[in-house]
Amino acid sequence: MARIQGVSKADAGPMVRLIYRFGPRMMKKLTGRAPQTGSGLEPIEIWAHQPKMMMAMGKFNQAIRKGKSVDERLKNLAELKGAQMIGCEFCVDLGSQICRNSGFSDDELLALPRYRQSDLFTEREKVALDYTVAVMRTPVDVTDKLFARMQQHFCDKQIVEITALLTLVNLDRFNAAFGIGRGRLLRGMVCVPPDRPINVVEPARIATADRV
């Protein structure tokens, strides 16, 4: 359970209620699966305490996601890896199911924490994941050598799109700070484990969403 209560539909303004109405449809389109428990909109319900901020964040999110110079598979990988590093339970649950819905196998999801040792990812994807790890660290740890490796695989426009996406992923810290747990999209299914789980210590090898 989150550390504060989200805004209920009864207490929400007209624009927020509209988002509450269409949000579940958008989530199901992304994931191919309805939440097993809860609304699946817990972060939005908490953002709704500040409606203007919520609307601005939504516009920022949409603007970043309109980028089309990088393929969806790579962006999904980078986003899920970033969420894993932050330790956001909700985000790794959601990201794991988005990846699965877009064609990822369970083996690929479970290999992500050790992507460098896996033959399931291309060298291009591994470089992008190395960059993801470096960008998501605090402080940022992108070296000249790593950036040069990125330039071997991506043009400037693509690097900007990937970096902008990772900037967006950093907002997952909002969910982690409020202790927003998994959206129960993956009950009984394989899920990438967060690096630093919020509410529970899990084995490092595999985490499944129904353990929490």
N, C-alpha and C. Protein backbone atom coordinates (compact mmCIF):
# COMPACT_ATOMS: atom_id res chain seq x y z
N MET A 1 0.84 -1.20 0.00
CA MET A 1 0.00 0.00 0.00
C MET A 1 0.87 1.25 0.00
N ALA A 2 0.47 2.26 -0.78
CA ALA A 2 1.23 3.49 -0.85
C ALA A 2 1.20 4.24 0.49
N ARG A 3 2.16 5.11 0.68
CA ARG A 3 2.30 5.83 1.94
C ARG A 3 1.22 6.90 2.15
N ILE A 4 0.59 7.36 1.07
CA ILE A 4 -0.54 8.27 1.20
C ILE A 4 -1.68 7.75 0.32
N GLN A 5 -2.87 8.18 0.62
CA GLN A 5 -4.05 7.77 -0.12
C GLN A 5 -4.16 8.59 -1.40
N GLY A 6 -4.48 7.94 -2.51
CA GLY A 6 -4.71 8.67 -3.75
C GLY A 6 -6.04 9.40 -3.72
N VAL A 7 -6.24 10.27 -4.69
CA VAL A 7 -7.49 11.03 -4.79
C VAL A 7 -8.57 10.11 -5.36
N SER A 8 -9.67 10.01 -4.68
CA SER A 8 -10.77 9.16 -5.15
C SER A 8 -11.48 9.81 -6.33
N LYS A 9 -12.21 9.01 -7.08
CA LYS A 9 -12.97 9.53 -8.21
C LYS A 9 -13.99 10.56 -7.74
N ALA A 10 -14.59 10.32 -6.58
CA ALA A 10 -15.60 11.24 -6.06
C ALA A 10 -15.01 12.61 -5.72
N ASP A 11 -13.74 12.65 -5.33
CA ASP A 11 -13.10 13.91 -4.94
C ASP A 11 -12.32 14.56 -6.08
N ALA A 12 -12.23 13.88 -7.21
CA ALA A 12 -11.42 14.39 -8.33
C ALA A 12 -12.19 15.41 -9.15
N GLY A 13 -11.42 16.33 -9.77
CA GLY A 13 -12.01 17.30 -10.68
C GLY A 13 -12.34 16.65 -12.03
N PRO A 14 -12.97 17.42 -12.93
CA PRO A 14 -13.42 16.87 -14.21
C PRO A 14 -12.30 16.25 -15.05
N MET A 15 -11.15 16.93 -15.16
CA MET A 15 -10.06 16.40 -15.99
C MET A 15 -9.47 15.13 -15.39
N VAL A 16 -9.34 15.11 -14.09
CA VAL A 16 -8.79 13.92 -13.43
C VAL A 16 -9.75 12.75 -13.59
N ARG A 17 -11.05 13.01 -13.46
CA ARG A 17 -12.03 11.93 -13.63
C ARG A 17 -11.97 11.37 -15.05
N LEU A 18 -11.72 12.25 -16.01
CA LEU A 18 -11.61 11.80 -17.40
C LEU A 18 -10.41 10.86 -17.56
N ILE A 19 -9.30 11.21 -16.92
CA ILE A 19 -8.12 10.34 -16.96
C ILE A 19 -8.41 9.01 -16.27
N TYR A 20 -9.10 9.07 -15.15
CA TYR A 20 -9.48 7.84 -14.45
C TYR A 20 -10.35 6.95 -15.35
N ARG A 21 -11.16 7.59 -16.16
CA ARG A 21 -12.08 6.83 -17.02
C ARG A 21 -11.34 6.09 -18.14
N PHE A 22 -10.42 6.81 -18.79
CA PHE A 22 -9.74 6.22 -19.95
C PHE A 22 -8.41 5.56 -19.61
N GLY A 23 -7.87 5.85 -18.42
CA GLY A 23 -6.58 5.28 -18.04
C GLY A 23 -6.51 3.77 -18.12
N PRO A 24 -7.50 3.05 -17.55
CA PRO A 24 -7.44 1.59 -17.59
C PRO A 24 -7.40 1.03 -19.01
N ARG A 25 -8.09 1.68 -19.94
CA ARG A 25 -8.06 1.21 -21.34
C ARG A 25 -6.67 1.35 -21.93
N MET A 26 -6.04 2.48 -21.63
CA MET A 26 -4.68 2.71 -22.13
C MET A 26 -3.70 1.70 -21.53
N MET A 27 -3.85 1.42 -20.24
CA MET A 27 -2.97 0.45 -19.59
C MET A 27 -3.14 -0.93 -20.19
N LYS A 28 -4.37 -1.32 -20.44
CA LYS A 28 -4.62 -2.65 -21.02
C LYS A 28 -4.08 -2.73 -22.44
N LYS A 29 -4.16 -1.64 -23.18
CA LYS A 29 -3.60 -1.62 -24.53
C LYS A 29 -2.09 -1.81 -24.50
N LEU A 30 -1.43 -1.19 -23.53
CA LEU A 30 0.02 -1.30 -23.39
C LEU A 30 0.45 -2.69 -22.93
N THR A 31 -0.31 -3.24 -22.01
CA THR A 31 0.12 -4.48 -21.35
C THR A 31 -0.57 -5.74 -21.84
N GLY A 32 -1.74 -5.56 -22.46
CA GLY A 32 -2.51 -6.73 -22.89
C GLY A 32 -3.16 -7.47 -21.75
N ARG A 33 -3.22 -6.84 -20.57
CA ARG A 33 -3.70 -7.54 -19.38
C ARG A 33 -4.23 -6.52 -18.38
N ALA A 34 -5.37 -6.81 -17.79
CA ALA A 34 -5.92 -5.94 -16.76
C ALA A 34 -5.24 -6.22 -15.42
N PRO A 35 -5.14 -5.22 -14.54
CA PRO A 35 -4.58 -5.47 -13.20
C PRO A 35 -5.36 -6.56 -12.49
N GLN A 36 -4.64 -7.43 -11.78
CA GLN A 36 -5.31 -8.51 -11.06
C GLN A 36 -5.94 -8.01 -9.78
N THR A 37 -5.35 -6.98 -9.20
CA THR A 37 -5.96 -6.29 -8.05
C THR A 37 -5.67 -4.81 -8.20
N GLY A 38 -6.47 -3.96 -7.57
CA GLY A 38 -6.25 -2.52 -7.65
C GLY A 38 -6.66 -1.96 -8.99
N SER A 39 -6.47 -0.67 -9.14
CA SER A 39 -6.89 0.03 -10.36
C SER A 39 -5.83 0.02 -11.45
N GLY A 40 -4.56 -0.19 -11.06
CA GLY A 40 -3.48 -0.06 -12.03
C GLY A 40 -3.09 1.38 -12.27
N LEU A 41 -3.79 2.31 -11.61
CA LEU A 41 -3.54 3.75 -11.81
C LEU A 41 -3.04 4.40 -10.52
N GLU A 42 -2.48 3.62 -9.62
CA GLU A 42 -2.09 4.16 -8.32
C GLU A 42 -1.17 5.39 -8.41
N PRO A 43 -0.14 5.40 -9.28
CA PRO A 43 0.68 6.62 -9.36
C PRO A 43 -0.12 7.84 -9.80
N ILE A 44 -1.03 7.66 -10.75
CA ILE A 44 -1.85 8.77 -11.23
C ILE A 44 -2.75 9.28 -10.11
N GLU A 45 -3.29 8.37 -9.31
CA GLU A 45 -4.16 8.77 -8.21
C GLU A 45 -3.42 9.61 -7.18
N ILE A 46 -2.13 9.35 -7.01
CA ILE A 46 -1.35 10.16 -6.08
C ILE A 46 -0.95 11.49 -6.74
N TRP A 47 -0.56 11.44 -8.01
CA TRP A 47 -0.27 12.69 -8.72
C TRP A 47 -1.50 13.62 -8.70
N ALA A 48 -2.69 13.03 -8.63
CA ALA A 48 -3.93 13.82 -8.70
C ALA A 48 -4.09 14.78 -7.53
N HIS A 49 -3.28 14.66 -6.49
CA HIS A 49 -3.28 15.67 -5.43
C HIS A 49 -2.79 17.02 -5.97
N GLN A 50 -2.04 16.97 -7.07
CA GLN A 50 -1.56 18.18 -7.74
C GLN A 50 -1.95 18.08 -9.23
N PRO A 51 -3.20 18.37 -9.58
CA PRO A 51 -3.69 18.15 -10.94
C PRO A 51 -2.88 18.86 -12.03
N LYS A 52 -2.45 20.10 -11.77
CA LYS A 52 -1.69 20.82 -12.79
C LYS A 52 -0.35 20.14 -13.04
N MET A 53 0.28 19.68 -11.96
CA MET A 53 1.54 18.95 -12.12
C MET A 53 1.30 17.65 -12.88
N MET A 54 0.22 16.97 -12.55
CA MET A 54 -0.11 15.71 -13.21
C MET A 54 -0.30 15.93 -14.71
N MET A 55 -1.00 16.98 -15.09
CA MET A 55 -1.22 17.26 -16.51
C MET A 55 0.09 17.59 -17.21
N ALA A 56 0.94 18.36 -16.54
CA ALA A 56 2.24 18.72 -17.14
C ALA A 56 3.11 17.48 -17.32
N MET A 57 3.10 16.60 -16.31
CA MET A 57 3.88 15.38 -16.42
C MET A 57 3.36 14.50 -17.54
N GLY A 58 2.03 14.48 -17.72
CA GLY A 58 1.45 13.71 -18.81
C GLY A 58 1.88 14.21 -20.17
N LYS A 59 1.94 15.53 -20.33
CA LYS A 59 2.38 16.12 -21.60
C LYS A 59 3.85 15.82 -21.86
N PHE A 60 4.67 15.89 -20.80
CA PHE A 60 6.08 15.58 -20.93
C PHE A 60 6.26 14.12 -21.34
N ASN A 61 5.52 13.25 -20.69
CA ASN A 61 5.56 11.82 -21.01
C ASN A 61 5.20 11.57 -22.48
N GLN A 62 4.12 12.19 -22.92
CA GLN A 62 3.68 12.01 -24.30
C GLN A 62 4.71 12.52 -25.29
N ALA A 63 5.31 13.66 -24.99
CA ALA A 63 6.30 14.25 -25.89
C ALA A 63 7.51 13.33 -26.06
N ILE A 64 8.00 12.77 -24.95
CA ILE A 64 9.15 11.88 -25.01
C ILE A 64 8.81 10.61 -25.78
N ARG A 65 7.63 10.08 -25.57
CA ARG A 65 7.26 8.81 -26.18
C ARG A 65 6.88 8.94 -27.65
N LYS A 66 6.80 10.16 -28.16
CA LYS A 66 6.54 10.35 -29.59
C LYS A 66 7.79 10.12 -30.43
N GLY A 67 8.96 10.02 -29.79
CA GLY A 67 10.19 9.76 -30.53
C GLY A 67 10.12 8.41 -31.25
N LYS A 68 10.52 8.38 -32.49
CA LYS A 68 10.42 7.16 -33.31
C LYS A 68 11.74 6.76 -33.95
N SER A 69 12.85 7.35 -33.53
CA SER A 69 14.12 7.03 -34.17
C SER A 69 14.75 5.76 -33.61
N VAL A 70 14.26 5.30 -32.46
CA VAL A 70 14.78 4.09 -31.81
C VAL A 70 13.67 3.06 -31.75
N ASP A 71 14.01 1.80 -32.02
CA ASP A 71 12.99 0.75 -32.05
C ASP A 71 12.42 0.50 -30.65
N GLU A 72 11.17 0.07 -30.62
CA GLU A 72 10.45 -0.11 -29.36
C GLU A 72 11.09 -1.16 -28.47
N ARG A 73 11.63 -2.22 -29.05
CA ARG A 73 12.25 -3.26 -28.23
C ARG A 73 13.38 -2.68 -27.40
N LEU A 74 14.24 -1.89 -28.02
CA LEU A 74 15.38 -1.34 -27.29
C LEU A 74 14.90 -0.34 -26.23
N LYS A 75 13.92 0.47 -26.56
CA LYS A 75 13.42 1.43 -25.59
C LYS A 75 12.76 0.72 -24.40
N ASN A 76 12.03 -0.35 -24.68
CA ASN A 76 11.42 -1.10 -23.60
C ASN A 76 12.48 -1.71 -22.69
N LEU A 77 13.55 -2.23 -23.29
CA LEU A 77 14.66 -2.78 -22.51
C LEU A 77 15.29 -1.72 -21.60
N ALA A 78 15.59 -0.57 -22.17
CA ALA A 78 16.23 0.50 -21.41
C ALA A 78 15.33 0.99 -20.29
N GLU A 79 14.05 1.13 -20.59
CA GLU A 79 13.12 1.63 -19.58
C GLU A 79 12.97 0.64 -18.43
N LEU A 80 12.88 -0.64 -18.74
CA LEU A 80 12.74 -1.65 -17.70
C LEU A 80 14.01 -1.75 -16.85
N LYS A 81 15.17 -1.67 -17.50
CA LYS A 81 16.43 -1.71 -16.75
C LYS A 81 16.54 -0.51 -15.82
N GLY A 82 16.15 0.65 -16.30
CA GLY A 82 16.19 1.85 -15.47
C GLY A 82 15.27 1.74 -14.27
N ALA A 83 14.06 1.23 -14.48
CA ALA A 83 13.11 1.05 -13.39
C ALA A 83 13.64 0.04 -12.38
N GLN A 84 14.29 -1.00 -12.89
CA GLN A 84 14.87 -2.01 -12.00
C GLN A 84 15.92 -1.39 -11.09
N MET A 85 16.76 -0.51 -11.66
CA MET A 85 17.81 0.12 -10.87
C MET A 85 17.24 1.04 -9.79
N ILE A 86 16.15 1.74 -10.11
CA ILE A 86 15.53 2.62 -9.12
C ILE A 86 14.90 1.81 -8.00
N GLY A 87 14.45 0.59 -8.34
CA GLY A 87 13.83 -0.26 -7.34
C GLY A 87 12.34 -0.01 -7.19
N CYS A 88 11.71 0.49 -8.26
CA CYS A 88 10.28 0.77 -8.22
C CYS A 88 9.51 -0.51 -8.54
N GLU A 89 8.82 -1.05 -7.54
CA GLU A 89 8.08 -2.30 -7.72
C GLU A 89 6.99 -2.17 -8.78
N PHE A 90 6.23 -1.08 -8.70
CA PHE A 90 5.15 -0.85 -9.66
C PHE A 90 5.69 -0.81 -11.08
N CYS A 91 6.83 -0.13 -11.26
CA CYS A 91 7.37 0.10 -12.60
C CYS A 91 7.97 -1.17 -13.22
N VAL A 92 8.63 -2.00 -12.40
CA VAL A 92 9.17 -3.23 -12.96
C VAL A 92 8.05 -4.22 -13.28
N ASP A 93 7.00 -4.19 -12.51
CA ASP A 93 5.83 -5.01 -12.81
C ASP A 93 5.22 -4.58 -14.14
N LEU A 94 4.96 -3.28 -14.25
CA LEU A 94 4.38 -2.74 -15.47
C LEU A 94 5.30 -2.93 -16.66
N GLY A 95 6.59 -2.59 -16.48
CA GLY A 95 7.54 -2.71 -17.58
C GLY A 95 7.74 -4.14 -18.04
N SER A 96 7.75 -5.08 -17.10
CA SER A 96 7.90 -6.49 -17.46
C SER A 96 6.74 -6.94 -18.34
N GLN A 97 5.52 -6.52 -18.00
CA GLN A 97 4.38 -6.94 -18.79
C GLN A 97 4.32 -6.22 -20.13
N ILE A 98 4.74 -4.96 -20.19
CA ILE A 98 4.81 -4.27 -21.48
C ILE A 98 5.80 -4.98 -22.40
N CYS A 99 6.94 -5.36 -21.84
CA CYS A 99 7.93 -6.10 -22.63
C CYS A 99 7.37 -7.43 -23.11
N ARG A 100 6.72 -8.16 -22.21
CA ARG A 100 6.15 -9.45 -22.60
C ARG A 100 5.08 -9.26 -23.68
N ASN A 101 4.24 -8.25 -23.52
CA ASN A 101 3.17 -8.00 -24.49
C ASN A 101 3.73 -7.60 -25.85
N SER A 102 4.95 -7.05 -25.87
CA SER A 102 5.56 -6.65 -27.14
C SER A 102 6.43 -7.76 -27.75
N GLY A 103 6.49 -8.93 -27.08
CA GLY A 103 7.17 -10.06 -27.70
C GLY A 103 8.35 -10.64 -26.94
N PHE A 104 8.69 -10.08 -25.77
CA PHE A 104 9.80 -10.61 -24.99
C PHE A 104 9.42 -11.97 -24.38
N SER A 105 10.41 -12.83 -24.26
CA SER A 105 10.20 -14.11 -23.60
C SER A 105 10.53 -13.99 -22.11
N ASP A 106 10.07 -14.97 -21.32
CA ASP A 106 10.43 -15.00 -19.91
C ASP A 106 11.94 -15.10 -19.73
N ASP A 107 12.59 -15.86 -20.60
CA ASP A 107 14.05 -16.01 -20.51
C ASP A 107 14.75 -14.67 -20.68
N GLU A 108 14.25 -13.85 -21.59
CA GLU A 108 14.85 -12.53 -21.80
C GLU A 108 14.64 -11.65 -20.58
N LEU A 109 13.46 -11.69 -20.00
CA LEU A 109 13.19 -10.88 -18.80
C LEU A 109 14.11 -11.29 -17.66
N LEU A 110 14.27 -12.59 -17.46
CA LEU A 110 15.10 -13.06 -16.36
C LEU A 110 16.58 -12.83 -16.61
N ALA A 111 16.96 -12.69 -17.88
CA ALA A 111 18.37 -12.45 -18.21
C ALA A 111 18.76 -10.98 -18.08
N LEU A 112 17.78 -10.09 -17.99
CA LEU A 112 18.08 -8.66 -18.00
C LEU A 112 19.03 -8.22 -16.89
N PRO A 113 18.88 -8.70 -15.65
CA PRO A 113 19.82 -8.27 -14.60
C PRO A 113 21.27 -8.66 -14.90
N ARG A 114 21.46 -9.69 -15.75
CA ARG A 114 22.81 -10.15 -16.12
C ARG A 114 22.98 -10.09 -17.63
N TYR A 115 22.52 -9.01 -18.21
CA TYR A 115 22.47 -8.91 -19.68
C TYR A 115 23.82 -9.07 -20.34
N ARG A 116 24.89 -8.65 -19.70
CA ARG A 116 26.23 -8.73 -20.30
C ARG A 116 26.66 -10.17 -20.54
N GLN A 117 26.20 -11.08 -19.69
CA GLN A 117 26.58 -12.49 -19.80
C GLN A 117 25.60 -13.29 -20.66
N SER A 118 24.57 -12.64 -21.17
CA SER A 118 23.53 -13.35 -21.91
C SER A 118 23.74 -13.23 -23.42
N ASP A 119 23.39 -14.30 -24.13
CA ASP A 119 23.43 -14.26 -25.59
C ASP A 119 22.05 -13.95 -26.18
N LEU A 120 21.11 -13.53 -25.32
CA LEU A 120 19.76 -13.21 -25.77
C LEU A 120 19.64 -11.76 -26.26
N PHE A 121 20.70 -10.97 -26.02
CA PHE A 121 20.68 -9.57 -26.43
C PHE A 121 21.82 -9.31 -27.40
N THR A 122 21.58 -8.43 -28.37
CA THR A 122 22.61 -8.07 -29.33
C THR A 122 23.64 -7.16 -28.68
N GLU A 123 24.78 -7.00 -29.33
CA GLU A 123 25.80 -6.10 -28.79
C GLU A 123 25.27 -4.67 -28.75
N ARG A 124 24.50 -4.30 -29.74
CA ARG A 124 23.90 -2.96 -29.77
C ARG A 124 23.00 -2.75 -28.55
N GLU A 125 22.20 -3.75 -28.22
CA GLU A 125 21.34 -3.65 -27.05
C GLU A 125 22.15 -3.61 -25.76
N LYS A 126 23.23 -4.37 -25.72
CA LYS A 126 24.07 -4.38 -24.52
C LYS A 126 24.75 -3.03 -24.30
N VAL A 127 25.16 -2.40 -25.38
CA VAL A 127 25.76 -1.06 -25.25
C VAL A 127 24.71 -0.07 -24.73
N ALA A 128 23.50 -0.16 -25.27
CA ALA A 128 22.43 0.73 -24.80
C ALA A 128 22.11 0.47 -23.32
N LEU A 129 22.18 -0.76 -22.90
CA LEU A 129 21.94 -1.09 -21.49
C LEU A 129 23.09 -0.62 -20.62
N ASP A 130 24.33 -0.71 -21.12
CA ASP A 130 25.47 -0.14 -20.39
C ASP A 130 25.27 1.36 -20.19
N TYR A 131 24.80 2.01 -21.23
CA TYR A 131 24.53 3.46 -21.17
C TYR A 131 23.40 3.74 -20.17
N THR A 132 22.37 2.90 -20.20
CA THR A 132 21.27 3.05 -19.26
C THR A 132 21.77 2.98 -17.82
N VAL A 133 22.57 1.98 -17.53
CA VAL A 133 23.12 1.82 -16.17
C VAL A 133 23.92 3.05 -15.76
N ALA A 134 24.73 3.57 -16.68
CA ALA A 134 25.57 4.72 -16.37
C ALA A 134 24.75 5.99 -16.16
N VAL A 135 23.71 6.18 -16.98
CA VAL A 135 22.86 7.37 -16.85
C VAL A 135 22.05 7.31 -15.56
N MET A 136 21.58 6.12 -15.19
CA MET A 136 20.70 6.00 -14.03
C MET A 136 21.45 6.05 -12.70
N ARG A 137 22.76 5.88 -12.73
CA ARG A 137 23.52 5.96 -11.48
C ARG A 137 23.52 7.38 -10.93
N THR A 138 23.72 7.47 -9.64
CA THR A 138 23.86 8.78 -8.98
C THR A 138 25.22 8.83 -8.28
N PRO A 139 26.14 9.70 -8.72
CA PRO A 139 26.01 10.60 -9.87
C PRO A 139 26.09 9.85 -11.19
N VAL A 140 25.67 10.52 -12.25
CA VAL A 140 25.72 9.93 -13.60
C VAL A 140 27.16 9.53 -13.91
N ASP A 141 27.33 8.36 -14.54
CA ASP A 141 28.66 7.79 -14.74
C ASP A 141 28.93 7.48 -16.22
N VAL A 142 28.52 8.38 -17.10
CA VAL A 142 28.77 8.19 -18.54
C VAL A 142 30.18 8.69 -18.86
N THR A 143 31.06 7.78 -19.20
CA THR A 143 32.43 8.14 -19.55
C THR A 143 32.54 8.47 -21.03
N ASP A 144 33.63 9.11 -21.43
CA ASP A 144 33.87 9.39 -22.85
C ASP A 144 33.95 8.08 -23.64
N LYS A 145 34.55 7.07 -23.04
CA LYS A 145 34.69 5.78 -23.73
C LYS A 145 33.31 5.16 -23.98
N LEU A 146 32.45 5.20 -22.98
CA LEU A 146 31.12 4.64 -23.15
C LEU A 146 30.33 5.44 -24.18
N PHE A 147 30.44 6.75 -24.14
CA PHE A 147 29.71 7.57 -25.11
C PHE A 147 30.19 7.28 -26.53
N ALA A 148 31.49 7.06 -26.67
CA ALA A 148 32.03 6.72 -28.00
C ALA A 148 31.48 5.39 -28.47
N ARG A 149 31.30 4.44 -27.57
CA ARG A 149 30.69 3.16 -27.94
C ARG A 149 29.26 3.36 -28.39
N MET A 150 28.53 4.24 -27.70
CA MET A 150 27.17 4.56 -28.13
C MET A 150 27.15 5.12 -29.54
N GLN A 151 28.11 5.99 -29.84
CA GLN A 151 28.16 6.61 -31.17
C GLN A 151 28.49 5.63 -32.28
N GLN A 152 29.04 4.49 -31.92
CA GLN A 152 29.30 3.45 -32.91
C GLN A 152 28.01 2.75 -33.34
N HIS A 153 27.00 2.81 -32.48
CA HIS A 153 25.76 2.09 -32.75
C HIS A 153 24.56 3.00 -32.99
N PHE A 154 24.65 4.26 -32.55
CA PHE A 154 23.49 5.15 -32.63
C PHE A 154 23.91 6.51 -33.15
N CYS A 155 23.02 7.13 -33.93
CA CYS A 155 23.27 8.50 -34.38
C CYS A 155 22.91 9.47 -33.26
N ASP A 156 23.24 10.75 -33.46
CA ASP A 156 23.00 11.74 -32.41
C ASP A 156 21.51 11.81 -32.04
N LYS A 157 20.66 11.78 -33.06
CA LYS A 157 19.22 11.86 -32.81
C LYS A 157 18.75 10.70 -31.93
N GLN A 158 19.28 9.52 -32.17
CA GLN A 158 18.89 8.35 -31.38
C GLN A 158 19.41 8.44 -29.95
N ILE A 159 20.62 8.95 -29.78
CA ILE A 159 21.17 9.08 -28.43
C ILE A 159 20.35 10.08 -27.62
N VAL A 160 19.93 11.16 -28.27
CA VAL A 160 19.08 12.14 -27.57
C VAL A 160 17.77 11.48 -27.16
N GLU A 161 17.18 10.68 -28.05
CA GLU A 161 15.90 10.02 -27.72
C GLU A 161 16.07 9.05 -26.55
N ILE A 162 17.12 8.25 -26.56
CA ILE A 162 17.37 7.29 -25.48
C ILE A 162 17.59 8.02 -24.16
N THR A 163 18.40 9.09 -24.20
CA THR A 163 18.71 9.84 -22.97
C THR A 163 17.47 10.54 -22.44
N ALA A 164 16.64 11.06 -23.34
CA ALA A 164 15.39 11.69 -22.90
C ALA A 164 14.48 10.66 -22.24
N LEU A 165 14.42 9.47 -22.81
CA LEU A 165 13.61 8.41 -22.22
C LEU A 165 14.10 8.08 -20.81
N LEU A 166 15.41 8.00 -20.63
CA LEU A 166 15.96 7.68 -19.31
C LEU A 166 15.70 8.82 -18.32
N THR A 167 15.64 10.05 -18.81
CA THR A 167 15.26 11.17 -17.95
C THR A 167 13.82 10.97 -17.46
N LEU A 168 12.97 10.49 -18.36
CA LEU A 168 11.59 10.20 -17.98
C LEU A 168 11.53 9.05 -16.98
N VAL A 169 12.34 8.02 -17.20
CA VAL A 169 12.38 6.87 -16.29
C VAL A 169 12.76 7.30 -14.88
N ASN A 170 13.60 8.31 -14.77
CA ASN A 170 14.02 8.79 -13.45
C ASN A 170 12.83 9.25 -12.61
N LEU A 171 11.73 9.58 -13.28
CA LEU A 171 10.54 9.99 -12.55
C LEU A 171 9.90 8.83 -11.81
N ASP A 172 10.37 7.61 -12.09
CA ASP A 172 9.89 6.46 -11.31
C ASP A 172 10.26 6.61 -9.83
N ARG A 173 11.20 7.49 -9.54
CA ARG A 173 11.55 7.75 -8.14
C ARG A 173 10.34 8.28 -7.37
N PHE A 174 9.43 8.94 -8.06
CA PHE A 174 8.19 9.41 -7.44
C PHE A 174 7.43 8.22 -6.85
N ASN A 175 7.26 7.17 -7.66
CA ASN A 175 6.53 5.98 -7.20
C ASN A 175 7.25 5.30 -6.05
N ALA A 176 8.58 5.20 -6.17
CA ALA A 176 9.37 4.54 -5.13
C ALA A 176 9.29 5.30 -3.82
N ALA A 177 9.33 6.64 -3.90
CA ALA A 177 9.28 7.45 -2.68
C ALA A 177 7.97 7.27 -1.93
N PHE A 178 6.88 7.09 -2.68
CA PHE A 178 5.58 6.92 -2.05
C PHE A 178 5.28 5.46 -1.72
N GLY A 179 6.23 4.57 -2.02
CA GLY A 179 6.04 3.17 -1.69
C GLY A 179 4.93 2.51 -2.49
N ILE A 180 4.74 2.97 -3.73
CA ILE A 180 3.69 2.38 -4.56
C ILE A 180 4.14 0.98 -4.99
N GLY A 181 3.39 -0.02 -4.60
CA GLY A 181 3.77 -1.40 -4.88
C GLY A 181 3.36 -1.84 -6.26
N ARG A 182 3.54 -3.13 -6.50
CA ARG A 182 3.22 -3.67 -7.81
C ARG A 182 1.74 -3.54 -8.12
N GLY A 183 1.45 -3.33 -9.41
CA GLY A 183 0.07 -3.20 -9.86
C GLY A 183 -0.61 -4.53 -10.07
N ARG A 184 0.05 -5.63 -9.68
CA ARG A 184 -0.53 -6.97 -9.77
C ARG A 184 -0.89 -7.35 -11.20
N LEU A 185 -0.17 -6.81 -12.17
CA LEU A 185 -0.38 -7.23 -13.55
C LEU A 185 0.16 -8.63 -13.77
N LEU A 186 1.15 -9.03 -12.97
CA LEU A 186 1.88 -10.26 -13.26
C LEU A 186 1.69 -11.35 -12.22
N ARG A 187 0.62 -11.34 -11.49
CA ARG A 187 0.44 -12.37 -10.46
C ARG A 187 0.58 -13.75 -11.09
N GLY A 188 1.51 -14.54 -10.55
CA GLY A 188 1.75 -15.88 -11.06
C GLY A 188 2.66 -15.93 -12.28
N MET A 189 3.23 -14.77 -12.68
CA MET A 189 4.07 -14.71 -13.87
C MET A 189 5.45 -14.18 -13.51
N VAL A 190 6.42 -14.47 -14.37
CA VAL A 190 7.79 -14.03 -14.13
C VAL A 190 7.90 -12.52 -14.27
N CYS A 191 8.67 -11.91 -13.39
CA CYS A 191 8.87 -10.46 -13.39
C CYS A 191 10.33 -10.17 -13.09
N VAL A 192 10.89 -9.15 -13.73
CA VAL A 192 12.25 -8.73 -13.41
C VAL A 192 12.27 -8.20 -11.98
N PRO A 193 13.18 -8.67 -11.13
CA PRO A 193 13.21 -8.18 -9.74
C PRO A 193 13.84 -6.80 -9.64
N PRO A 194 13.27 -5.90 -8.83
CA PRO A 194 13.93 -4.61 -8.59
C PRO A 194 15.29 -4.82 -7.95
N ASP A 195 16.24 -3.93 -8.24
CA ASP A 195 17.55 -4.01 -7.61
C ASP A 195 17.46 -3.78 -6.11
N ARG A 196 16.57 -2.85 -5.71
CA ARG A 196 16.42 -2.53 -4.30
C ARG A 196 14.92 -2.54 -3.97
N PRO A 197 14.36 -3.74 -3.70
CA PRO A 197 12.92 -3.81 -3.41
C PRO A 197 12.53 -2.87 -2.28
N ILE A 198 11.35 -2.31 -2.38
CA ILE A 198 10.89 -1.32 -1.41
C ILE A 198 10.43 -1.96 -0.10
N ASN A 199 9.56 -2.97 -0.21
CA ASN A 199 8.89 -3.47 0.99
C ASN A 199 9.30 -4.87 1.42
N VAL A 200 10.12 -5.54 0.62
CA VAL A 200 10.42 -6.93 0.93
C VAL A 200 11.78 -7.29 0.39
N VAL A 201 12.50 -8.14 1.08
CA VAL A 201 13.77 -8.66 0.60
C VAL A 201 13.49 -9.95 -0.13
N GLU A 202 13.87 -10.00 -1.42
CA GLU A 202 13.61 -11.17 -2.23
C GLU A 202 14.92 -11.81 -2.65
N PRO A 203 14.90 -13.11 -3.02
CA PRO A 203 16.10 -13.75 -3.53
C PRO A 203 16.60 -13.02 -4.77
N ALA A 204 17.91 -12.98 -4.94
CA ALA A 204 18.50 -12.24 -6.05
C ALA A 204 18.24 -12.93 -7.38
N ARG A 205 17.94 -14.23 -7.37
CA ARG A 205 17.85 -14.95 -8.63
C ARG A 205 16.60 -14.60 -9.43
N ILE A 206 15.40 -14.80 -8.86
CA ILE A 206 14.16 -14.59 -9.59
C ILE A 206 13.13 -14.00 -8.64
N ALA A 207 12.31 -13.07 -9.14
CA ALA A 207 11.17 -12.61 -8.36
C ALA A 207 9.93 -12.81 -9.20
N THR A 208 8.85 -13.31 -8.62
CA THR A 208 7.59 -13.40 -9.32
C THR A 208 6.61 -12.49 -8.61
N ALA A 209 5.72 -11.87 -9.39
CA ALA A 209 4.89 -10.81 -8.85
C ALA A 209 3.97 -11.29 -7.73
N ASP A 210 3.64 -12.56 -7.68
CA ASP A 210 2.72 -13.02 -6.65
C ASP A 210 3.41 -13.28 -5.32
N ARG A 211 4.72 -13.01 -5.21
CA ARG A 211 5.39 -13.16 -3.92
C ARG A 211 5.19 -11.97 -3.03
N VAL A 212 4.79 -10.84 -3.61
CA VAL A 212 4.70 -9.61 -2.83
C VAL A 212 3.26 -9.38 -2.38
